[in-house]
Protein backbone atom coordinates (compact mmCIF):
# COMPACT_ATOMS: atom_id res chain seq x y z
CA UNK A 1 60.80 65.92 -15.17
CA UNK A 2 59.75 65.53 -19.12
CA UNK A 3 56.49 65.82 -20.04
CA UNK A 4 56.05 62.09 -21.31
CA UNK A 5 57.43 61.19 -17.60
CA UNK A 6 54.90 63.05 -16.26
CA UNK A 7 52.32 61.36 -18.33
CA UNK A 8 53.88 57.71 -17.83
CA UNK A 9 53.74 58.19 -13.85
CA UNK A 10 49.98 59.57 -14.53
CA UNK A 11 49.33 56.19 -16.19
CA UNK A 12 50.85 54.16 -13.96
CA UNK A 13 48.85 55.64 -10.73
CA UNK A 14 45.70 55.26 -12.39
CA UNK A 15 45.16 59.08 -13.10
CA UNK A 16 43.50 60.46 -16.18
CA UNK A 17 43.70 64.41 -17.36
CA UNK A 18 40.50 65.76 -16.79
CA UNK A 19 41.29 68.98 -18.20
CA UNK A 20 44.41 71.20 -19.33
CA UNK A 21 43.52 74.67 -19.98
CA UNK A 22 44.76 78.32 -19.66
CA UNK A 23 42.84 80.60 -17.48
CA UNK A 24 44.75 83.93 -18.66
CA UNK A 25 47.97 84.76 -20.36
CA UNK A 26 50.24 83.52 -17.36
CA UNK A 27 47.90 80.53 -16.07
CA UNK A 28 47.70 77.09 -16.67
CA UNK A 29 44.94 74.91 -14.71
CA UNK A 30 45.52 70.77 -14.87
CA UNK A 31 42.63 68.64 -13.08
CA UNK A 32 43.23 65.11 -12.63
CA UNK A 33 40.65 62.56 -11.76
CA UNK A 34 40.96 58.83 -10.87
CA UNK A 35 38.50 56.02 -11.24
CA UNK A 36 36.91 56.76 -7.98
CA UNK A 37 35.98 60.30 -9.22
CA UNK A 38 38.71 62.32 -7.21
CA UNK A 39 40.03 64.80 -8.33
CA UNK A 40 43.93 66.97 -7.97
CA UNK A 41 43.86 70.55 -9.09
CA UNK A 42 46.87 72.59 -9.82
CA UNK A 43 47.89 75.96 -11.28
CA UNK A 44 51.11 76.55 -12.81
CA UNK A 45 52.78 79.05 -15.46
CA UNK A 46 52.96 76.30 -17.84
CA UNK A 47 50.70 73.46 -19.00
CA UNK A 48 53.75 71.02 -17.61
CA UNK A 49 54.10 73.29 -14.51
CA UNK A 50 50.36 72.83 -13.77
CA UNK A 51 50.54 68.94 -14.46
CA UNK A 52 53.56 68.74 -12.34
CA UNK A 53 51.77 70.24 -9.62
CA UNK A 54 48.94 68.21 -10.02
CA UNK A 55 50.80 64.92 -10.29
CA UNK A 56 52.64 65.86 -6.77
CA UNK A 57 49.21 66.59 -4.66
CA UNK A 58 48.35 63.21 -5.53
CA UNK A 59 51.31 61.85 -3.36
CA UNK A 60 50.90 64.00 -0.41
CA UNK A 61 50.55 62.30 2.63
CA UNK A 62 46.96 61.11 4.02
CA UNK A 63 45.70 60.91 0.17
CA UNK A 64 43.49 57.67 -0.45
CA UNK A 65 42.87 56.66 -4.21
CA UNK A 66 40.40 54.78 -2.96
CA UNK A 67 38.44 57.53 -1.06
CA UNK A 68 34.85 57.30 -2.21
CA UNK A 69 33.29 60.01 -0.55
CA UNK A 70 32.25 61.16 -3.67
CA UNK A 71 31.90 58.44 -6.07
CA UNK A 72 29.39 59.89 -8.68
CA UNK A 73 31.01 63.93 -8.43
CA UNK A 74 29.97 66.78 -6.42
CA UNK A 75 26.16 66.73 -8.08
CA UNK A 76 24.85 63.73 -5.50
CA UNK A 77 26.63 65.31 -2.41
CA UNK A 78 24.09 64.95 0.65
CA UNK A 79 24.53 67.20 3.05
CA UNK A 80 26.34 64.24 5.46
CA UNK A 81 28.82 63.96 2.53
CA UNK A 82 29.87 67.29 3.35
CA UNK A 83 29.77 67.01 7.07
CA UNK A 84 26.89 69.67 7.31
């Protein structure tokens, strides 16, 4: 998949690139988020590979793009939110 196609698919699905950075010489990490502050994170050996893997994770069975368990990010989580 080309990088342009990855960004097009992210845009259509409503995902934003939260961050894309290099962890070490061989590993890149891509973090995606949607308007509900749901995140998907993946790593790859190139920026493109990390973005592709993160995009694929958004399509996994059982994923709900409207999941509002964490609407304001982790700083406002309660013990009930994480099941404790």
